[in-house]
Amino acid sequence: MPDVGRPPVRVSPAIGAGAPLPRWTLIRRYTLALALIVALGLGKIVIANKAISDVSLSSPDRVMTSGLLIGATPADADLEDFAADFGVDAVVNVGSPSVAEQVTAASLHQGYLYLAMPVGAAPTWTQLRPLAGFMRRYTERGHWVYLHDDTGGPQALTTVAMLLLLRGQTWAAVVNRITPAGLSSLDTRQRLALEQLSSALHHAGPQGRKPSGNPYAAARLEPW
């Protein structure tokens, strides 16, 4: 029978340090905590590396050289991400004209340059000079430039290859930066333009004369 008149017993939690834990228990807890910290750190590294690889290793080659990213027509969110994560401060469009893209770039305070050229063509010397100056204006301050055509294909690749030649790189060095698939995608006119620019920059004749009939005969090195 239940006790009558006896107050219920209340159990209060213990307060204070209590008895010390066994040494092996403490070691086990410290080991688990350390393993958790290491796992979180490795997780952050993996995520960061994946974010970089998604940008730098997408076809054909997103990162062509320090200061220059290459790809397809970016969405508004792409331009925002490039600006926030990679310091992209300017955009060069060698594909289809886009007023919307220009407006987005302006809203992000990014420089913007559009070069009009037919599909399968290459930039002329008249276009290359201001392009090199545009690149220099941003890269010399440590910023990056995003150069694109519609698909991240031959139009953008040809333009970037010419920029590298203007920077003083040899054709062999430029080829090493482009994948075999990228090289095979170039139009015959684009290949010829690259050969003509390389010849004008690196193969001057007697007394510094350059071959006549070369549309890039007036070209000179334009470091950026």
N, C-alpha and C. Protein backbone atom coordinates (compact mmCIF):
# COMPACT_ATOMS: atom_id res chain seq x y z
N MET A 1 0.84 -1.19 0.00
CA MET A 1 0.00 0.00 0.00
C MET A 1 0.88 1.24 0.00
N PRO A 2 0.46 2.30 -0.71
CA PRO A 2 1.29 3.51 -0.75
C PRO A 2 1.33 4.17 0.60
N ASP A 3 2.48 4.79 0.88
CA ASP A 3 2.61 5.50 2.14
C ASP A 3 1.75 6.73 2.09
N VAL A 4 1.05 6.98 3.18
CA VAL A 4 0.17 8.13 3.28
C VAL A 4 0.81 9.17 4.16
N GLY A 5 0.80 10.40 3.68
CA GLY A 5 1.33 11.49 4.49
C GLY A 5 2.81 11.71 4.33
N ARG A 6 3.48 10.82 3.54
CA ARG A 6 4.93 11.01 3.35
C ARG A 6 5.15 11.81 2.08
N PRO A 7 5.87 12.93 2.13
CA PRO A 7 6.10 13.75 0.94
C PRO A 7 6.90 12.99 -0.09
N PRO A 8 6.60 13.23 -1.35
CA PRO A 8 7.34 12.52 -2.42
C PRO A 8 8.81 12.90 -2.38
N VAL A 9 9.63 11.96 -2.75
CA VAL A 9 11.08 12.18 -2.78
C VAL A 9 11.45 12.87 -4.09
N ARG A 10 12.16 14.00 -4.03
CA ARG A 10 12.61 14.73 -5.22
C ARG A 10 14.09 14.43 -5.46
N VAL A 11 14.37 14.12 -6.70
CA VAL A 11 15.75 13.81 -7.06
C VAL A 11 16.33 15.02 -7.76
N SER A 12 17.35 15.62 -7.23
CA SER A 12 18.00 16.80 -7.81
C SER A 12 19.27 16.38 -8.50
N PRO A 13 19.58 16.99 -9.65
CA PRO A 13 20.82 16.65 -10.33
C PRO A 13 22.01 17.09 -9.51
N ALA A 14 23.07 16.35 -9.65
CA ALA A 14 24.28 16.69 -8.90
C ALA A 14 24.87 17.96 -9.43
N ILE A 15 25.37 18.79 -8.56
CA ILE A 15 25.99 20.05 -8.94
C ILE A 15 27.44 20.02 -8.48
N GLY A 16 28.34 20.46 -9.36
CA GLY A 16 29.75 20.45 -9.00
C GLY A 16 30.55 19.61 -9.97
N ALA A 17 31.84 19.54 -9.75
CA ALA A 17 32.73 18.85 -10.67
C ALA A 17 32.47 17.37 -10.70
N GLY A 18 32.08 16.81 -9.63
CA GLY A 18 31.87 15.38 -9.59
C GLY A 18 33.18 14.62 -9.59
N ALA A 19 33.07 13.30 -9.65
CA ALA A 19 34.27 12.47 -9.63
C ALA A 19 35.02 12.59 -10.94
N PRO A 20 36.33 12.61 -10.95
CA PRO A 20 37.09 12.70 -12.20
C PRO A 20 36.88 11.47 -13.05
N LEU A 21 36.87 11.69 -14.39
CA LEU A 21 36.68 10.59 -15.32
C LEU A 21 37.96 9.78 -15.45
N PRO A 22 37.82 8.50 -15.74
CA PRO A 22 39.02 7.68 -15.95
C PRO A 22 39.85 8.23 -17.10
N ARG A 23 41.16 7.99 -17.03
CA ARG A 23 42.08 8.54 -18.04
C ARG A 23 41.75 8.05 -19.43
N TRP A 24 41.42 6.76 -19.58
CA TRP A 24 41.15 6.22 -20.91
C TRP A 24 39.90 6.84 -21.51
N THR A 25 38.93 7.24 -20.65
CA THR A 25 37.72 7.90 -21.15
C THR A 25 38.05 9.28 -21.71
N LEU A 26 38.91 10.01 -20.98
CA LEU A 26 39.31 11.34 -21.44
C LEU A 26 40.07 11.25 -22.76
N ILE A 27 40.99 10.28 -22.84
CA ILE A 27 41.76 10.11 -24.08
C ILE A 27 40.84 9.80 -25.26
N ARG A 28 39.85 8.96 -25.02
CA ARG A 28 38.92 8.60 -26.08
C ARG A 28 38.12 9.80 -26.55
N ARG A 29 37.67 10.65 -25.61
CA ARG A 29 36.88 11.82 -25.97
C ARG A 29 37.73 12.83 -26.74
N TYR A 30 38.97 13.06 -26.29
CA TYR A 30 39.86 13.98 -26.99
C TYR A 30 40.17 13.49 -28.40
N THR A 31 40.35 12.18 -28.54
CA THR A 31 40.64 11.60 -29.86
C THR A 31 39.47 11.80 -30.81
N LEU A 32 38.25 11.57 -30.31
CA LEU A 32 37.06 11.75 -31.14
C LEU A 32 36.90 13.22 -31.55
N ALA A 33 37.15 14.13 -30.61
CA ALA A 33 37.04 15.57 -30.91
C ALA A 33 38.05 15.98 -31.98
N LEU A 34 39.30 15.48 -31.84
CA LEU A 34 40.34 15.81 -32.81
C LEU A 34 39.99 15.25 -34.19
N ALA A 35 39.47 14.03 -34.23
CA ALA A 35 39.08 13.42 -35.51
C ALA A 35 37.97 14.23 -36.18
N LEU A 36 37.04 14.75 -35.38
CA LEU A 36 35.95 15.55 -35.92
C LEU A 36 36.48 16.85 -36.52
N ILE A 37 37.42 17.51 -35.81
CA ILE A 37 38.00 18.76 -36.31
C ILE A 37 38.74 18.52 -37.63
N VAL A 38 39.52 17.43 -37.69
CA VAL A 38 40.26 17.10 -38.91
C VAL A 38 39.30 16.83 -40.06
N ALA A 39 38.22 16.10 -39.79
CA ALA A 39 37.25 15.77 -40.83
C ALA A 39 36.59 17.03 -41.39
N LEU A 40 36.25 17.96 -40.50
CA LEU A 40 35.64 19.22 -40.95
C LEU A 40 36.61 20.02 -41.79
N GLY A 41 37.88 20.05 -41.38
CA GLY A 41 38.88 20.78 -42.15
C GLY A 41 39.08 20.19 -43.53
N LEU A 42 39.16 18.85 -43.62
CA LEU A 42 39.31 18.20 -44.91
C LEU A 42 38.10 18.43 -45.79
N GLY A 43 36.93 18.46 -45.16
CA GLY A 43 35.71 18.72 -45.93
C GLY A 43 35.73 20.07 -46.59
N LYS A 44 36.22 21.08 -45.85
CA LYS A 44 36.32 22.43 -46.42
C LYS A 44 37.29 22.47 -47.57
N ILE A 45 38.43 21.76 -47.45
CA ILE A 45 39.43 21.74 -48.52
C ILE A 45 38.86 21.10 -49.77
N VAL A 46 38.15 19.98 -49.61
CA VAL A 46 37.57 19.28 -50.76
C VAL A 46 36.56 20.17 -51.47
N ILE A 47 35.71 20.84 -50.69
CA ILE A 47 34.70 21.72 -51.28
C ILE A 47 35.36 22.86 -52.03
N ALA A 48 36.40 23.46 -51.44
CA ALA A 48 37.10 24.57 -52.10
C ALA A 48 37.75 24.12 -53.38
N ASN A 49 38.42 22.93 -53.34
CA ASN A 49 39.07 22.44 -54.55
C ASN A 49 38.08 22.12 -55.64
N LYS A 50 36.92 21.61 -55.27
CA LYS A 50 35.90 21.30 -56.27
C LYS A 50 35.38 22.58 -56.91
N ALA A 51 35.21 23.63 -56.10
CA ALA A 51 34.74 24.90 -56.66
C ALA A 51 35.72 25.44 -57.67
N ILE A 52 37.04 25.30 -57.38
CA ILE A 52 38.05 25.79 -58.32
C ILE A 52 38.07 24.93 -59.57
N SER A 53 38.00 23.58 -59.40
CA SER A 53 38.07 22.71 -60.57
C SER A 53 36.88 22.88 -61.47
N ASP A 54 35.71 23.19 -60.91
CA ASP A 54 34.53 23.40 -61.74
C ASP A 54 34.74 24.57 -62.68
N VAL A 55 35.53 25.55 -62.25
CA VAL A 55 35.77 26.71 -63.10
C VAL A 55 36.97 26.51 -64.00
N SER A 56 38.06 25.97 -63.44
CA SER A 56 39.32 25.95 -64.19
C SER A 56 39.47 24.77 -65.12
N LEU A 57 38.70 23.71 -64.93
CA LEU A 57 38.92 22.52 -65.74
C LEU A 57 37.78 22.22 -66.71
N SER A 58 36.81 23.10 -66.80
CA SER A 58 35.73 22.85 -67.74
C SER A 58 36.23 23.09 -69.15
N SER A 59 35.59 22.42 -70.12
CA SER A 59 36.05 22.47 -71.50
C SER A 59 35.90 23.87 -72.10
N PRO A 60 36.90 24.34 -72.88
CA PRO A 60 38.17 23.69 -73.16
C PRO A 60 39.19 23.90 -72.04
N ASP A 61 39.44 25.13 -71.63
CA ASP A 61 40.35 25.42 -70.51
C ASP A 61 39.93 26.76 -69.94
N ARG A 62 39.30 26.76 -68.78
CA ARG A 62 38.79 28.03 -68.25
C ARG A 62 39.92 28.99 -67.87
N VAL A 63 40.93 28.48 -67.18
CA VAL A 63 42.03 29.35 -66.78
C VAL A 63 43.15 29.20 -67.80
N MET A 64 43.34 30.21 -68.65
CA MET A 64 44.35 30.14 -69.69
C MET A 64 45.70 30.62 -69.19
N THR A 65 45.69 31.61 -68.34
CA THR A 65 46.90 32.15 -67.74
C THR A 65 46.47 33.03 -66.58
N SER A 66 47.40 33.43 -65.75
CA SER A 66 47.04 34.26 -64.61
C SER A 66 46.37 35.55 -65.07
N GLY A 67 45.19 35.80 -64.53
CA GLY A 67 44.46 37.00 -64.87
C GLY A 67 43.44 36.83 -65.97
N LEU A 68 43.35 35.65 -66.57
CA LEU A 68 42.46 35.47 -67.72
C LEU A 68 41.68 34.16 -67.63
N LEU A 69 40.36 34.30 -67.53
CA LEU A 69 39.44 33.16 -67.59
C LEU A 69 38.77 33.15 -68.96
N ILE A 70 38.44 31.95 -69.45
CA ILE A 70 37.79 31.83 -70.75
C ILE A 70 36.61 30.88 -70.63
N GLY A 71 35.54 31.16 -71.35
CA GLY A 71 34.38 30.29 -71.28
C GLY A 71 33.28 30.71 -72.22
N ALA A 72 32.07 30.24 -71.90
CA ALA A 72 30.89 30.52 -72.72
C ALA A 72 30.16 31.74 -72.17
N THR A 73 29.07 32.11 -72.85
CA THR A 73 28.27 33.25 -72.40
C THR A 73 27.83 33.03 -70.96
N PRO A 74 28.16 33.94 -70.06
CA PRO A 74 27.84 33.75 -68.65
C PRO A 74 26.42 34.21 -68.32
N ALA A 75 25.81 33.54 -67.35
CA ALA A 75 24.54 34.03 -66.80
C ALA A 75 24.86 35.14 -65.79
N ASP A 76 23.83 35.87 -65.38
CA ASP A 76 24.04 36.94 -64.40
C ASP A 76 24.70 36.40 -63.14
N ALA A 77 24.24 35.22 -62.70
CA ALA A 77 24.78 34.62 -61.47
C ALA A 77 26.25 34.26 -61.65
N ASP A 78 26.64 33.85 -62.87
CA ASP A 78 28.04 33.52 -63.13
C ASP A 78 28.93 34.75 -62.94
N LEU A 79 28.51 35.87 -63.50
CA LEU A 79 29.31 37.09 -63.37
C LEU A 79 29.44 37.50 -61.90
N GLU A 80 28.37 37.33 -61.15
CA GLU A 80 28.42 37.65 -59.72
C GLU A 80 29.39 36.73 -58.99
N ASP A 81 29.34 35.43 -59.32
CA ASP A 81 30.23 34.47 -58.67
C ASP A 81 31.68 34.73 -59.05
N PHE A 82 31.92 35.01 -60.33
CA PHE A 82 33.29 35.28 -60.78
C PHE A 82 33.85 36.51 -60.06
N ALA A 83 33.01 37.52 -59.90
CA ALA A 83 33.47 38.74 -59.23
C ALA A 83 33.78 38.47 -57.76
N ALA A 84 32.90 37.71 -57.10
CA ALA A 84 33.05 37.47 -55.67
C ALA A 84 34.16 36.48 -55.36
N ASP A 85 34.27 35.42 -56.16
CA ASP A 85 35.18 34.32 -55.83
C ASP A 85 36.54 34.42 -56.51
N PHE A 86 36.62 35.06 -57.67
CA PHE A 86 37.87 35.04 -58.42
C PHE A 86 38.39 36.43 -58.75
N GLY A 87 37.73 37.45 -58.29
CA GLY A 87 38.21 38.81 -58.53
C GLY A 87 38.08 39.26 -59.96
N VAL A 88 37.12 38.69 -60.71
CA VAL A 88 36.90 39.12 -62.08
C VAL A 88 36.33 40.53 -62.07
N ASP A 89 37.04 41.44 -62.72
CA ASP A 89 36.65 42.85 -62.68
C ASP A 89 36.33 43.39 -64.06
N ALA A 90 36.38 42.52 -65.10
CA ALA A 90 36.10 42.97 -66.46
C ALA A 90 35.68 41.79 -67.32
N VAL A 91 34.91 42.08 -68.37
CA VAL A 91 34.38 41.06 -69.28
C VAL A 91 34.68 41.46 -70.71
N VAL A 92 35.14 40.49 -71.50
CA VAL A 92 35.35 40.69 -72.94
C VAL A 92 34.46 39.71 -73.68
N ASN A 93 33.61 40.22 -74.54
CA ASN A 93 32.68 39.40 -75.31
C ASN A 93 33.09 39.39 -76.78
N VAL A 94 33.46 38.20 -77.29
CA VAL A 94 33.79 38.06 -78.71
C VAL A 94 32.75 37.20 -79.42
N GLY A 95 31.59 37.04 -78.78
CA GLY A 95 30.50 36.27 -79.36
C GLY A 95 29.37 37.18 -79.80
N SER A 96 28.15 36.73 -79.57
CA SER A 96 26.98 37.53 -79.95
C SER A 96 26.82 38.72 -79.01
N PRO A 97 26.44 39.86 -79.55
CA PRO A 97 26.26 41.04 -78.67
C PRO A 97 25.13 40.81 -77.68
N SER A 98 25.27 41.36 -76.49
CA SER A 98 24.25 41.18 -75.45
C SER A 98 24.15 42.45 -74.61
N VAL A 99 23.04 43.16 -74.79
CA VAL A 99 22.81 44.37 -73.98
C VAL A 99 22.59 43.98 -72.52
N ALA A 100 21.89 42.87 -72.30
CA ALA A 100 21.61 42.43 -70.94
C ALA A 100 22.90 42.13 -70.18
N GLU A 101 23.84 41.48 -70.85
CA GLU A 101 25.12 41.17 -70.21
C GLU A 101 25.88 42.45 -69.87
N GLN A 102 25.84 43.40 -70.79
CA GLN A 102 26.53 44.66 -70.56
C GLN A 102 25.93 45.40 -69.36
N VAL A 103 24.60 45.34 -69.23
CA VAL A 103 23.93 45.99 -68.10
C VAL A 103 24.32 45.31 -66.79
N THR A 104 24.36 43.96 -66.81
CA THR A 104 24.75 43.24 -65.60
C THR A 104 26.18 43.58 -65.19
N ALA A 105 27.09 43.61 -66.17
CA ALA A 105 28.47 43.95 -65.88
C ALA A 105 28.58 45.36 -65.28
N ALA A 106 27.81 46.27 -65.82
CA ALA A 106 27.82 47.64 -65.31
C ALA A 106 27.31 47.69 -63.86
N SER A 107 26.28 46.90 -63.57
CA SER A 107 25.72 46.89 -62.22
C SER A 107 26.71 46.32 -61.21
N LEU A 108 27.62 45.46 -61.69
CA LEU A 108 28.65 44.88 -60.82
C LEU A 108 29.94 45.69 -60.85
N HIS A 109 29.89 46.83 -61.55
CA HIS A 109 31.05 47.72 -61.68
C HIS A 109 32.22 47.00 -62.37
N GLN A 110 31.88 46.14 -63.35
CA GLN A 110 32.89 45.45 -64.14
C GLN A 110 33.09 46.17 -65.47
N GLY A 111 34.34 46.26 -65.91
CA GLY A 111 34.61 46.80 -67.23
C GLY A 111 34.04 45.87 -68.30
N TYR A 112 33.72 46.42 -69.45
CA TYR A 112 33.10 45.60 -70.50
C TYR A 112 33.62 46.02 -71.87
N LEU A 113 33.99 45.03 -72.67
CA LEU A 113 34.47 45.28 -74.03
C LEU A 113 33.86 44.26 -74.97
N TYR A 114 33.25 44.74 -76.05
CA TYR A 114 32.68 43.85 -77.06
C TYR A 114 33.46 43.99 -78.36
N LEU A 115 33.92 42.85 -78.91
CA LEU A 115 34.61 42.83 -80.19
C LEU A 115 33.74 42.09 -81.20
N ALA A 116 33.30 42.80 -82.21
CA ALA A 116 32.45 42.19 -83.23
C ALA A 116 33.32 41.51 -84.28
N MET A 117 33.05 40.22 -84.54
CA MET A 117 33.76 39.51 -85.61
C MET A 117 32.88 38.37 -86.11
N PRO A 118 32.96 38.07 -87.40
CA PRO A 118 32.14 36.98 -87.95
C PRO A 118 32.55 35.64 -87.36
N VAL A 119 31.62 34.69 -87.36
CA VAL A 119 31.92 33.35 -86.88
C VAL A 119 33.04 32.75 -87.73
N GLY A 120 34.02 32.17 -87.08
CA GLY A 120 35.14 31.56 -87.79
C GLY A 120 36.28 32.52 -88.07
N ALA A 121 36.12 33.80 -87.72
CA ALA A 121 37.15 34.80 -87.96
C ALA A 121 38.01 34.98 -86.71
N ALA A 122 39.02 35.83 -86.86
CA ALA A 122 39.91 36.15 -85.74
C ALA A 122 39.97 37.66 -85.57
N PRO A 123 40.35 38.14 -84.40
CA PRO A 123 40.46 39.59 -84.22
C PRO A 123 41.51 40.20 -85.16
N THR A 124 41.21 41.36 -85.66
CA THR A 124 42.17 42.08 -86.50
C THR A 124 43.18 42.80 -85.61
N TRP A 125 44.26 43.32 -86.20
CA TRP A 125 45.23 44.08 -85.42
C TRP A 125 44.59 45.33 -84.84
N THR A 126 43.65 45.91 -85.57
CA THR A 126 42.94 47.09 -85.08
C THR A 126 42.15 46.77 -83.82
N GLN A 127 41.67 45.54 -83.70
CA GLN A 127 40.93 45.12 -82.51
C GLN A 127 41.86 44.65 -81.39
N LEU A 128 42.98 44.06 -81.77
CA LEU A 128 43.88 43.49 -80.78
C LEU A 128 44.56 44.56 -79.92
N ARG A 129 44.92 45.68 -80.52
CA ARG A 129 45.63 46.71 -79.76
C ARG A 129 44.78 47.24 -78.59
N PRO A 130 43.54 47.68 -78.83
CA PRO A 130 42.74 48.13 -77.69
C PRO A 130 42.40 47.00 -76.72
N LEU A 131 42.30 45.76 -77.23
CA LEU A 131 42.03 44.63 -76.35
C LEU A 131 43.20 44.42 -75.38
N ALA A 132 44.43 44.48 -75.90
CA ALA A 132 45.60 44.32 -75.03
C ALA A 132 45.65 45.44 -73.99
N GLY A 133 45.31 46.66 -74.40
CA GLY A 133 45.27 47.77 -73.44
C GLY A 133 44.21 47.57 -72.39
N PHE A 134 43.06 47.04 -72.79
CA PHE A 134 41.97 46.75 -71.87
C PHE A 134 42.42 45.70 -70.85
N MET A 135 43.07 44.65 -71.33
CA MET A 135 43.56 43.61 -70.44
C MET A 135 44.56 44.18 -69.44
N ARG A 136 45.49 44.99 -69.92
CA ARG A 136 46.54 45.54 -69.08
C ARG A 136 45.95 46.42 -67.97
N ARG A 137 44.91 47.15 -68.32
CA ARG A 137 44.30 48.07 -67.36
C ARG A 137 43.82 47.33 -66.11
N TYR A 138 43.39 46.07 -66.28
CA TYR A 138 42.84 45.33 -65.15
C TYR A 138 43.84 44.37 -64.54
N THR A 139 44.59 43.65 -65.37
CA THR A 139 45.50 42.65 -64.83
C THR A 139 46.67 43.26 -64.07
N GLU A 140 47.11 44.46 -64.45
CA GLU A 140 48.23 45.07 -63.74
C GLU A 140 47.85 45.47 -62.32
N ARG A 141 46.55 45.52 -62.03
CA ARG A 141 46.08 45.81 -60.68
C ARG A 141 45.71 44.54 -59.92
N GLY A 142 46.02 43.39 -60.53
CA GLY A 142 45.75 42.12 -59.87
C GLY A 142 44.36 41.56 -60.08
N HIS A 143 43.58 42.18 -60.97
CA HIS A 143 42.23 41.70 -61.24
C HIS A 143 42.25 40.68 -62.39
N TRP A 144 41.13 39.97 -62.52
CA TRP A 144 40.98 38.97 -63.58
C TRP A 144 39.97 39.47 -64.62
N VAL A 145 40.12 38.95 -65.84
CA VAL A 145 39.22 39.28 -66.93
C VAL A 145 38.58 37.99 -67.43
N TYR A 146 37.27 38.03 -67.67
CA TYR A 146 36.56 36.87 -68.22
C TYR A 146 36.30 37.13 -69.71
N LEU A 147 36.91 36.31 -70.57
CA LEU A 147 36.75 36.45 -72.02
C LEU A 147 35.91 35.29 -72.53
N HIS A 148 34.91 35.59 -73.34
CA HIS A 148 34.02 34.51 -73.79
C HIS A 148 33.48 34.75 -75.19
N ASP A 149 33.11 33.64 -75.83
CA ASP A 149 32.24 33.69 -77.00
C ASP A 149 30.94 33.02 -76.59
N ASP A 150 30.17 32.54 -77.55
CA ASP A 150 28.86 31.96 -77.19
C ASP A 150 29.00 30.61 -76.48
N THR A 151 30.03 29.84 -76.86
CA THR A 151 30.14 28.46 -76.36
C THR A 151 31.45 28.16 -75.65
N GLY A 152 32.32 29.12 -75.51
CA GLY A 152 33.64 28.83 -74.96
C GLY A 152 34.48 28.07 -75.97
N GLY A 153 34.26 28.36 -77.26
CA GLY A 153 34.88 27.60 -78.33
C GLY A 153 35.97 28.34 -79.09
N PRO A 154 36.06 28.09 -80.41
CA PRO A 154 37.18 28.59 -81.21
C PRO A 154 37.33 30.10 -81.27
N GLN A 155 36.22 30.82 -81.23
CA GLN A 155 36.33 32.28 -81.28
C GLN A 155 37.10 32.83 -80.07
N ALA A 156 36.73 32.32 -78.90
CA ALA A 156 37.41 32.75 -77.67
C ALA A 156 38.83 32.22 -77.62
N LEU A 157 39.03 30.97 -78.03
CA LEU A 157 40.37 30.37 -78.02
C LEU A 157 41.33 31.14 -78.92
N THR A 158 40.88 31.50 -80.11
CA THR A 158 41.73 32.23 -81.04
C THR A 158 42.13 33.58 -80.46
N THR A 159 41.16 34.27 -79.85
CA THR A 159 41.44 35.58 -79.27
C THR A 159 42.45 35.48 -78.13
N VAL A 160 42.28 34.47 -77.27
CA VAL A 160 43.19 34.28 -76.15
C VAL A 160 44.59 33.92 -76.66
N ALA A 161 44.66 33.04 -77.67
CA ALA A 161 45.96 32.66 -78.24
C ALA A 161 46.69 33.89 -78.78
N MET A 162 45.96 34.79 -79.41
CA MET A 162 46.58 36.01 -79.93
C MET A 162 47.05 36.91 -78.79
N LEU A 163 46.28 36.97 -77.72
CA LEU A 163 46.70 37.78 -76.57
C LEU A 163 47.99 37.24 -75.96
N LEU A 164 48.12 35.92 -75.91
CA LEU A 164 49.33 35.33 -75.37
C LEU A 164 50.53 35.60 -76.29
N LEU A 165 50.31 35.57 -77.60
CA LEU A 165 51.38 35.91 -78.54
C LEU A 165 51.81 37.36 -78.35
N LEU A 166 50.84 38.25 -78.17
CA LEU A 166 51.16 39.66 -77.96
C LEU A 166 51.91 39.86 -76.65
N ARG A 167 51.72 38.95 -75.73
CA ARG A 167 52.39 39.04 -74.44
C ARG A 167 53.86 38.63 -74.54
N GLY A 168 54.23 38.04 -75.69
CA GLY A 168 55.61 37.64 -75.90
C GLY A 168 55.84 36.15 -75.89
N GLN A 169 54.79 35.36 -75.72
CA GLN A 169 54.95 33.91 -75.73
C GLN A 169 55.13 33.40 -77.16
N THR A 170 55.90 32.33 -77.29
CA THR A 170 56.08 31.71 -78.60
C THR A 170 54.84 30.88 -78.96
N TRP A 171 54.72 30.55 -80.24
CA TRP A 171 53.58 29.75 -80.66
C TRP A 171 53.60 28.39 -79.97
N ALA A 172 54.80 27.81 -79.78
CA ALA A 172 54.90 26.51 -79.11
C ALA A 172 54.39 26.59 -77.68
N ALA A 173 54.70 27.69 -77.00
CA ALA A 173 54.23 27.86 -75.62
C ALA A 173 52.72 28.04 -75.58
N VAL A 174 52.18 28.76 -76.57
CA VAL A 174 50.74 28.99 -76.62
C VAL A 174 50.00 27.68 -76.86
N VAL A 175 50.54 26.85 -77.77
CA VAL A 175 49.90 25.57 -78.09
C VAL A 175 49.82 24.69 -76.85
N ASN A 176 50.82 24.77 -75.99
CA ASN A 176 50.83 23.95 -74.77
C ASN A 176 49.71 24.32 -73.82
N ARG A 177 49.13 25.50 -73.98
CA ARG A 177 48.04 25.94 -73.10
C ARG A 177 46.66 25.58 -73.65
N ILE A 178 46.62 25.04 -74.85
CA ILE A 178 45.34 24.72 -75.49
C ILE A 178 45.25 23.20 -75.66
N THR A 179 44.11 22.64 -75.35
CA THR A 179 43.93 21.20 -75.49
C THR A 179 43.90 20.81 -76.96
N PRO A 180 44.25 19.55 -77.29
CA PRO A 180 44.17 19.09 -78.68
C PRO A 180 42.78 19.29 -79.28
N ALA A 181 41.74 19.06 -78.47
CA ALA A 181 40.38 19.26 -78.96
C ALA A 181 40.14 20.73 -79.29
N GLY A 182 40.69 21.62 -78.47
CA GLY A 182 40.55 23.05 -78.74
C GLY A 182 41.23 23.44 -80.03
N LEU A 183 42.44 22.92 -80.26
CA LEU A 183 43.17 23.24 -81.48
C LEU A 183 42.44 22.74 -82.72
N SER A 184 41.90 21.54 -82.63
CA SER A 184 41.21 20.97 -83.79
C SER A 184 39.91 21.69 -84.09
N SER A 185 39.38 22.45 -83.12
CA SER A 185 38.12 23.17 -83.35
C SER A 185 38.32 24.48 -84.11
N LEU A 186 39.57 24.93 -84.26
CA LEU A 186 39.82 26.21 -84.91
C LEU A 186 39.52 26.13 -86.41
N ASP A 187 38.94 27.19 -86.93
CA ASP A 187 38.66 27.31 -88.35
C ASP A 187 39.96 27.55 -89.11
N THR A 188 39.96 27.21 -90.40
CA THR A 188 41.15 27.43 -91.23
C THR A 188 41.58 28.88 -91.20
N ARG A 189 40.62 29.81 -91.24
CA ARG A 189 40.96 31.24 -91.20
C ARG A 189 41.58 31.64 -89.87
N GLN A 190 41.12 31.01 -88.80
CA GLN A 190 41.68 31.32 -87.48
C GLN A 190 43.10 30.80 -87.36
N ARG A 191 43.36 29.60 -87.89
CA ARG A 191 44.71 29.06 -87.87
C ARG A 191 45.66 29.94 -88.67
N LEU A 192 45.20 30.38 -89.84
CA LEU A 192 46.03 31.24 -90.67
C LEU A 192 46.34 32.56 -89.97
N ALA A 193 45.33 33.15 -89.32
CA ALA A 193 45.53 34.41 -88.61
C ALA A 193 46.55 34.26 -87.49
N LEU A 194 46.51 33.13 -86.78
CA LEU A 194 47.48 32.89 -85.72
C LEU A 194 48.90 32.75 -86.28
N GLU A 195 49.02 32.05 -87.40
CA GLU A 195 50.33 31.90 -88.04
C GLU A 195 50.85 33.26 -88.50
N GLN A 196 49.97 34.08 -89.06
CA GLN A 196 50.38 35.40 -89.56
C GLN A 196 50.82 36.31 -88.41
N LEU A 197 50.09 36.29 -87.29
CA LEU A 197 50.45 37.12 -86.15
C LEU A 197 51.78 36.65 -85.55
N SER A 198 51.94 35.34 -85.41
CA SER A 198 53.18 34.80 -84.87
C SER A 198 54.36 35.16 -85.76
N SER A 199 54.16 35.06 -87.06
CA SER A 199 55.22 35.40 -88.01
C SER A 199 55.59 36.88 -87.91
N ALA A 200 54.58 37.74 -87.81
CA ALA A 200 54.83 39.18 -87.73
C ALA A 200 55.57 39.56 -86.46
N LEU A 201 55.30 38.85 -85.37
CA LEU A 201 55.91 39.19 -84.08
C LEU A 201 57.30 38.61 -83.90
N HIS A 202 57.54 37.44 -84.49
CA HIS A 202 58.78 36.72 -84.17
C HIS A 202 59.68 36.43 -85.36
N HIS A 203 59.26 36.73 -86.57
CA HIS A 203 60.07 36.37 -87.74
C HIS A 203 60.25 37.56 -88.67
N ALA A 204 60.77 38.64 -88.16
CA ALA A 204 61.03 39.80 -89.00
C ALA A 204 62.20 39.51 -89.94
N GLY A 205 62.15 40.07 -91.14
CA GLY A 205 63.20 39.87 -92.14
C GLY A 205 64.38 40.78 -91.91
N PRO A 206 65.24 40.95 -92.92
CA PRO A 206 66.41 41.82 -92.81
C PRO A 206 66.02 43.24 -92.40
N GLN A 207 66.83 43.84 -91.54
CA GLN A 207 66.61 45.21 -91.07
C GLN A 207 65.25 45.36 -90.37
N GLY A 208 64.76 44.26 -89.80
CA GLY A 208 63.51 44.31 -89.06
C GLY A 208 62.27 44.38 -89.91
N ARG A 209 62.42 44.17 -91.22
CA ARG A 209 61.25 44.24 -92.10
C ARG A 209 60.40 42.99 -91.95
N LYS A 210 59.10 43.19 -91.97
CA LYS A 210 58.18 42.07 -91.85
C LYS A 210 57.58 41.73 -93.21
N PRO A 211 57.18 40.45 -93.38
CA PRO A 211 56.67 40.02 -94.69
C PRO A 211 55.51 40.89 -95.15
N SER A 212 55.55 41.30 -96.42
CA SER A 212 54.46 42.11 -96.98
C SER A 212 53.25 41.22 -97.22
N GLY A 213 52.10 41.82 -97.22
CA GLY A 213 50.87 41.06 -97.44
C GLY A 213 50.32 40.42 -96.18
N ASN A 214 51.01 40.60 -95.07
CA ASN A 214 50.55 40.04 -93.80
C ASN A 214 49.65 41.08 -93.12
N PRO A 215 48.37 40.75 -92.87
CA PRO A 215 47.46 41.74 -92.25
C PRO A 215 47.90 42.14 -90.84
N TYR A 216 48.82 41.38 -90.24
CA TYR A 216 49.31 41.71 -88.90
C TYR A 216 50.74 42.26 -88.95
N ALA A 217 51.15 42.72 -90.11
CA ALA A 217 52.52 43.21 -90.28
C ALA A 217 52.87 44.34 -89.32
N ALA A 218 51.89 45.14 -88.94
CA ALA A 218 52.15 46.28 -88.04
C ALA A 218 52.15 45.86 -86.57
N ALA A 219 51.89 44.59 -86.30
CA ALA A 219 51.77 44.13 -84.90
C ALA A 219 53.10 44.21 -84.19
N ARG A 220 53.03 44.47 -82.91
CA ARG A 220 54.20 44.48 -82.04
C ARG A 220 53.77 43.91 -80.68
N LEU A 221 54.75 43.59 -79.88
CA LEU A 221 54.42 43.02 -78.57
C LEU A 221 53.65 44.03 -77.73
N GLU A 222 52.63 43.55 -77.06
CA GLU A 222 51.79 44.40 -76.19
C GLU A 222 51.62 43.68 -74.86
N PRO A 223 52.62 43.75 -73.99
CA PRO A 223 52.52 43.05 -72.69
C PRO A 223 51.30 43.54 -71.89
N TRP A 224 50.68 42.62 -71.19
CA TRP A 224 49.53 42.97 -70.36
C TRP A 224 49.57 42.13 -69.08
